[in-house]
Amino acid sequence: MKANIVAWSALAVALFGLARGDMPAAQAQPQPQPTAVPPRTEFIDIRWDGTSRMCVVYPDGKVEFFYPELKDIPRPDDADKRAFYLTLKMNRMAAQGYEFVGMISDEIIMKRVVR
């Protein structure tokens, strides 16, 4: 009788250990390690330095002055130039996958994940 109780107790402990994942190392199945490269995040800086000096600074150091591409968009006379043009460029960058991160004075910082 005692042998049956000991045997059933040992079986219960073993099954409980398997259910919790506490198998001994010799019996554990090796888990494949992920080999995926983690995604990279890149940032851009949209800068306001007057209408003709508005630019985007890209992660590779390239600087793009963007007023020429926006100057033909009609701006209401009572709309602030800085807010109007920075908002237009920010929305164009959002269409390329960038997200707003923050704003510092006359700069807008945006980021996107590159896979």
N, C-alpha and C. Protein backbone atom coordinates (compact mmCIF):
# COMPACT_ATOMS: atom_id res chain seq x y z
N MET A 1 0.82 -1.19 0.00
CA MET A 1 0.00 0.00 0.00
C MET A 1 0.86 1.25 0.00
N LYS A 2 1.90 1.24 0.88
CA LYS A 2 2.79 2.38 0.92
C LYS A 2 3.51 2.56 -0.41
N ALA A 3 3.82 1.46 -1.07
CA ALA A 3 4.51 1.53 -2.35
C ALA A 3 3.63 2.21 -3.39
N ASN A 4 2.32 1.91 -3.37
CA ASN A 4 1.39 2.57 -4.30
C ASN A 4 1.29 4.06 -4.04
N ILE A 5 1.24 4.46 -2.78
CA ILE A 5 1.15 5.88 -2.44
C ILE A 5 2.41 6.61 -2.88
N VAL A 6 3.57 5.99 -2.65
CA VAL A 6 4.85 6.59 -3.04
C VAL A 6 4.91 6.70 -4.57
N ALA A 7 4.51 5.65 -5.27
CA ALA A 7 4.55 5.65 -6.74
C ALA A 7 3.62 6.72 -7.31
N TRP A 8 2.37 6.78 -6.79
CA TRP A 8 1.42 7.80 -7.27
C TRP A 8 1.89 9.21 -6.94
N SER A 9 2.50 9.38 -5.78
CA SER A 9 3.03 10.70 -5.40
C SER A 9 4.15 11.12 -6.33
N ALA A 10 5.04 10.18 -6.64
CA ALA A 10 6.15 10.49 -7.55
C ALA A 10 5.63 10.83 -8.94
N LEU A 11 4.62 10.10 -9.40
CA LEU A 11 4.03 10.38 -10.71
C LEU A 11 3.36 11.75 -10.72
N ALA A 12 2.66 12.08 -9.66
CA ALA A 12 1.99 13.39 -9.58
C ALA A 12 3.00 14.52 -9.59
N VAL A 13 4.11 14.36 -8.85
CA VAL A 13 5.16 15.39 -8.82
C VAL A 13 5.78 15.54 -10.20
N ALA A 14 6.03 14.41 -10.88
CA ALA A 14 6.63 14.47 -12.21
C ALA A 14 5.70 15.16 -13.21
N LEU A 15 4.42 14.81 -13.18
CA LEU A 15 3.46 15.45 -14.09
C LEU A 15 3.30 16.93 -13.80
N PHE A 16 3.30 17.28 -12.52
CA PHE A 16 3.21 18.69 -12.13
C PHE A 16 4.43 19.46 -12.63
N GLY A 17 5.59 18.84 -12.53
CA GLY A 17 6.82 19.47 -13.02
C GLY A 17 6.80 19.64 -14.53
N LEU A 18 6.27 18.65 -15.25
CA LEU A 18 6.16 18.77 -16.71
C LEU A 18 5.20 19.88 -17.09
N ALA A 19 4.09 19.97 -16.39
CA ALA A 19 3.09 20.98 -16.70
C ALA A 19 3.64 22.39 -16.47
N ARG A 20 4.46 22.54 -15.46
CA ARG A 20 5.03 23.86 -15.16
C ARG A 20 6.26 24.15 -16.00
N GLY A 21 6.80 23.17 -16.69
CA GLY A 21 8.00 23.37 -17.48
C GLY A 21 9.28 23.19 -16.70
N ASP A 22 9.23 22.50 -15.58
CA ASP A 22 10.40 22.30 -14.73
C ASP A 22 11.09 20.97 -15.02
N MET A 23 11.11 20.51 -16.25
CA MET A 23 11.76 19.25 -16.56
C MET A 23 13.26 19.38 -16.32
N PRO A 24 13.92 18.32 -15.95
CA PRO A 24 15.37 18.38 -15.82
C PRO A 24 16.01 18.74 -17.16
N ALA A 25 17.17 19.33 -17.10
CA ALA A 25 17.84 19.82 -18.32
C ALA A 25 18.10 18.71 -19.31
N ALA A 26 18.38 17.49 -18.84
CA ALA A 26 18.67 16.38 -19.74
C ALA A 26 17.46 15.99 -20.56
N GLN A 27 16.26 16.20 -20.03
CA GLN A 27 15.05 15.81 -20.73
C GLN A 27 14.42 16.96 -21.51
N ALA A 28 14.85 18.17 -21.28
CA ALA A 28 14.24 19.34 -21.93
C ALA A 28 14.59 19.36 -23.41
N GLN A 29 13.64 19.75 -24.22
CA GLN A 29 13.86 19.89 -25.65
C GLN A 29 14.55 21.22 -25.92
N PRO A 30 15.59 21.24 -26.74
CA PRO A 30 16.26 22.52 -27.03
C PRO A 30 15.33 23.44 -27.81
N GLN A 31 15.32 24.70 -27.43
CA GLN A 31 14.49 25.71 -28.09
C GLN A 31 15.33 26.43 -29.14
N PRO A 32 14.84 26.56 -30.36
CA PRO A 32 15.62 27.28 -31.37
C PRO A 32 15.71 28.77 -30.99
N GLN A 33 16.87 29.33 -31.20
CA GLN A 33 17.09 30.74 -30.89
C GLN A 33 16.67 31.58 -32.09
N PRO A 34 15.96 32.67 -31.83
CA PRO A 34 15.56 33.53 -32.95
C PRO A 34 16.80 34.16 -33.59
N THR A 35 16.81 34.18 -34.91
CA THR A 35 17.95 34.74 -35.63
C THR A 35 17.58 36.03 -36.34
N ALA A 36 16.36 36.51 -36.12
CA ALA A 36 15.92 37.73 -36.80
C ALA A 36 16.70 38.94 -36.29
N VAL A 37 17.02 39.82 -37.20
CA VAL A 37 17.71 41.05 -36.84
C VAL A 37 16.68 42.02 -36.28
N PRO A 38 16.96 42.62 -35.14
CA PRO A 38 15.98 43.56 -34.57
C PRO A 38 15.79 44.76 -35.50
N PRO A 39 14.59 45.32 -35.52
CA PRO A 39 14.35 46.46 -36.40
C PRO A 39 15.19 47.66 -35.96
N ARG A 40 15.51 48.50 -36.93
CA ARG A 40 16.32 49.69 -36.69
C ARG A 40 15.39 50.90 -36.72
N THR A 41 15.62 51.86 -35.86
CA THR A 41 14.83 53.08 -35.83
C THR A 41 15.69 54.22 -36.35
N GLU A 42 15.12 55.01 -37.26
CA GLU A 42 15.84 56.18 -37.74
C GLU A 42 15.01 57.43 -37.48
N PHE A 43 15.69 58.53 -37.25
CA PHE A 43 15.06 59.79 -36.90
C PHE A 43 15.35 60.85 -37.95
N ILE A 44 14.41 61.77 -38.11
CA ILE A 44 14.63 62.94 -38.96
C ILE A 44 14.33 64.18 -38.14
N ASP A 45 14.85 65.28 -38.62
CA ASP A 45 14.65 66.58 -37.97
C ASP A 45 14.11 67.54 -39.04
N ILE A 46 12.90 68.03 -38.83
CA ILE A 46 12.33 69.03 -39.73
C ILE A 46 12.59 70.39 -39.08
N ARG A 47 13.34 71.24 -39.77
CA ARG A 47 13.78 72.50 -39.18
C ARG A 47 13.15 73.71 -39.87
N TRP A 48 12.82 74.70 -39.07
CA TRP A 48 12.31 75.98 -39.55
C TRP A 48 13.38 77.03 -39.28
N ASP A 49 13.83 77.67 -40.35
CA ASP A 49 14.79 78.77 -40.22
C ASP A 49 14.40 79.83 -41.24
N GLY A 50 13.11 80.14 -41.27
CA GLY A 50 12.58 81.06 -42.26
C GLY A 50 12.09 80.28 -43.47
N THR A 51 11.28 80.93 -44.26
CA THR A 51 10.63 80.26 -45.38
C THR A 51 11.62 79.61 -46.34
N SER A 52 12.65 80.30 -46.74
CA SER A 52 13.57 79.75 -47.75
C SER A 52 14.59 78.79 -47.15
N ARG A 53 14.65 78.64 -45.83
CA ARG A 53 15.65 77.79 -45.19
C ARG A 53 15.02 76.59 -44.48
N MET A 54 13.76 76.29 -44.75
CA MET A 54 13.11 75.12 -44.14
C MET A 54 13.77 73.86 -44.71
N CYS A 55 14.09 72.93 -43.84
CA CYS A 55 14.76 71.73 -44.35
C CYS A 55 14.45 70.51 -43.50
N VAL A 56 14.75 69.35 -44.07
CA VAL A 56 14.68 68.08 -43.36
C VAL A 56 16.10 67.54 -43.30
N VAL A 57 16.54 67.15 -42.11
CA VAL A 57 17.85 66.52 -41.94
C VAL A 57 17.59 65.02 -41.77
N TYR A 58 18.12 64.24 -42.70
CA TYR A 58 17.91 62.79 -42.71
C TYR A 58 19.00 62.06 -41.92
N PRO A 59 18.77 60.79 -41.57
CA PRO A 59 19.74 60.04 -40.77
C PRO A 59 21.13 59.93 -41.42
N ASP A 60 21.17 59.91 -42.74
CA ASP A 60 22.47 59.78 -43.42
C ASP A 60 23.20 61.11 -43.59
N GLY A 61 22.60 62.19 -43.05
CA GLY A 61 23.24 63.50 -43.13
C GLY A 61 22.77 64.35 -44.30
N LYS A 62 21.96 63.77 -45.14
CA LYS A 62 21.43 64.52 -46.28
C LYS A 62 20.49 65.60 -45.76
N VAL A 63 20.57 66.79 -46.35
CA VAL A 63 19.70 67.90 -45.98
C VAL A 63 18.90 68.28 -47.21
N GLU A 64 17.58 68.32 -47.04
CA GLU A 64 16.68 68.65 -48.15
C GLU A 64 15.92 69.92 -47.79
N PHE A 65 16.12 70.98 -48.58
CA PHE A 65 15.36 72.21 -48.39
C PHE A 65 14.05 72.03 -49.14
N PHE A 66 12.93 72.19 -48.44
CA PHE A 66 11.65 71.80 -49.03
C PHE A 66 10.72 72.94 -49.39
N TYR A 67 11.10 74.18 -49.22
CA TYR A 67 10.21 75.27 -49.59
C TYR A 67 9.83 75.23 -51.07
N PRO A 68 10.77 74.94 -51.98
CA PRO A 68 10.38 74.92 -53.41
C PRO A 68 9.22 73.98 -53.72
N GLU A 69 9.12 72.84 -53.01
CA GLU A 69 8.03 71.91 -53.31
C GLU A 69 6.70 72.34 -52.70
N LEU A 70 6.73 73.25 -51.71
CA LEU A 70 5.50 73.67 -51.03
C LEU A 70 5.03 75.08 -51.40
N LYS A 71 5.88 75.85 -52.07
CA LYS A 71 5.56 77.26 -52.30
C LYS A 71 4.33 77.47 -53.19
N ASP A 72 3.99 76.49 -54.01
CA ASP A 72 2.83 76.64 -54.90
C ASP A 72 1.51 76.28 -54.22
N ILE A 73 1.57 75.80 -52.99
CA ILE A 73 0.34 75.48 -52.25
C ILE A 73 -0.17 76.78 -51.64
N PRO A 74 -1.41 77.16 -51.96
CA PRO A 74 -1.93 78.44 -51.46
C PRO A 74 -2.06 78.45 -49.93
N ARG A 75 -1.52 79.48 -49.33
CA ARG A 75 -1.58 79.64 -47.88
C ARG A 75 -2.52 80.80 -47.58
N PRO A 76 -3.50 80.59 -46.69
CA PRO A 76 -4.37 81.70 -46.31
C PRO A 76 -3.54 82.85 -45.72
N ASP A 77 -3.94 84.07 -46.02
CA ASP A 77 -3.17 85.25 -45.58
C ASP A 77 -3.02 85.32 -44.07
N ASP A 78 -4.01 84.88 -43.34
CA ASP A 78 -3.93 84.99 -41.88
C ASP A 78 -3.33 83.74 -41.21
N ALA A 79 -2.87 82.76 -42.00
CA ALA A 79 -2.24 81.55 -41.45
C ALA A 79 -0.76 81.82 -41.20
N ASP A 80 -0.28 81.37 -40.06
CA ASP A 80 1.13 81.51 -39.71
C ASP A 80 1.98 80.68 -40.68
N LYS A 81 3.00 81.29 -41.28
CA LYS A 81 3.84 80.59 -42.26
C LYS A 81 4.52 79.37 -41.65
N ARG A 82 5.10 79.56 -40.49
CA ARG A 82 5.84 78.48 -39.83
C ARG A 82 4.93 77.28 -39.59
N ALA A 83 3.80 77.49 -38.96
CA ALA A 83 2.87 76.40 -38.65
C ALA A 83 2.33 75.76 -39.92
N PHE A 84 2.01 76.57 -40.91
CA PHE A 84 1.43 76.07 -42.15
C PHE A 84 2.40 75.14 -42.89
N TYR A 85 3.62 75.62 -43.13
CA TYR A 85 4.58 74.84 -43.92
C TYR A 85 5.13 73.64 -43.14
N LEU A 86 5.36 73.78 -41.85
CA LEU A 86 5.85 72.64 -41.07
C LEU A 86 4.79 71.54 -40.99
N THR A 87 3.53 71.93 -40.88
CA THR A 87 2.45 70.94 -40.84
C THR A 87 2.35 70.19 -42.16
N LEU A 88 2.46 70.92 -43.27
CA LEU A 88 2.42 70.26 -44.58
C LEU A 88 3.55 69.23 -44.71
N LYS A 89 4.76 69.64 -44.33
CA LYS A 89 5.90 68.73 -44.48
C LYS A 89 5.79 67.55 -43.51
N MET A 90 5.31 67.81 -42.31
CA MET A 90 5.15 66.73 -41.33
C MET A 90 4.17 65.68 -41.85
N ASN A 91 3.10 66.10 -42.46
CA ASN A 91 2.13 65.15 -43.02
C ASN A 91 2.71 64.38 -44.19
N ARG A 92 3.55 65.02 -44.99
CA ARG A 92 4.19 64.30 -46.09
C ARG A 92 5.17 63.26 -45.57
N MET A 93 5.85 63.57 -44.48
CA MET A 93 6.79 62.62 -43.89
C MET A 93 6.02 61.47 -43.22
N ALA A 94 4.86 61.77 -42.64
CA ALA A 94 4.02 60.72 -42.04
C ALA A 94 3.57 59.73 -43.11
N ALA A 95 3.31 60.22 -44.32
CA ALA A 95 2.92 59.35 -45.42
C ALA A 95 4.06 58.41 -45.81
N GLN A 96 5.30 58.75 -45.45
CA GLN A 96 6.46 57.90 -45.73
C GLN A 96 6.79 56.97 -44.55
N GLY A 97 5.92 56.97 -43.53
CA GLY A 97 6.09 56.04 -42.42
C GLY A 97 6.68 56.66 -41.16
N TYR A 98 6.95 57.94 -41.15
CA TYR A 98 7.50 58.60 -39.96
C TYR A 98 6.39 58.94 -38.98
N GLU A 99 6.73 58.89 -37.68
CA GLU A 99 5.80 59.25 -36.61
C GLU A 99 6.37 60.41 -35.83
N PHE A 100 5.50 61.26 -35.33
CA PHE A 100 5.91 62.40 -34.51
C PHE A 100 6.52 61.90 -33.21
N VAL A 101 7.67 62.49 -32.83
CA VAL A 101 8.31 62.15 -31.56
C VAL A 101 8.22 63.33 -30.60
N GLY A 102 8.58 64.50 -31.09
CA GLY A 102 8.56 65.67 -30.23
C GLY A 102 8.93 66.92 -31.01
N MET A 103 8.80 68.04 -30.31
CA MET A 103 9.11 69.32 -30.94
C MET A 103 9.99 70.12 -30.00
N ILE A 104 11.02 70.73 -30.55
CA ILE A 104 11.95 71.55 -29.79
C ILE A 104 12.03 72.89 -30.52
N SER A 105 11.48 73.93 -29.94
CA SER A 105 11.54 75.27 -30.54
C SER A 105 11.03 75.22 -31.98
N ASP A 106 11.92 75.37 -32.94
CA ASP A 106 11.53 75.38 -34.35
C ASP A 106 11.95 74.10 -35.06
N GLU A 107 11.94 72.99 -34.35
CA GLU A 107 12.30 71.70 -34.93
C GLU A 107 11.25 70.66 -34.56
N ILE A 108 10.97 69.79 -35.51
CA ILE A 108 10.07 68.66 -35.27
C ILE A 108 10.88 67.39 -35.46
N ILE A 109 10.86 66.52 -34.47
CA ILE A 109 11.59 65.26 -34.55
C ILE A 109 10.57 64.16 -34.86
N MET A 110 10.90 63.34 -35.86
CA MET A 110 10.05 62.22 -36.26
C MET A 110 10.92 60.97 -36.37
N LYS A 111 10.27 59.80 -36.29
CA LYS A 111 11.01 58.54 -36.40
C LYS A 111 10.21 57.53 -37.21
N ARG A 112 10.92 56.52 -37.70
CA ARG A 112 10.27 55.37 -38.32
C ARG A 112 11.14 54.15 -38.10
N VAL A 113 10.50 52.98 -38.12
CA VAL A 113 11.19 51.72 -37.96
C VAL A 113 11.55 51.19 -39.33
N VAL A 114 12.81 50.86 -39.51
CA VAL A 114 13.29 50.32 -40.79
C VAL A 114 13.52 48.84 -40.59
N ARG A 115 12.89 48.02 -41.40
CA ARG A 115 13.02 46.56 -41.26
C ARG A 115 13.93 46.02 -42.34
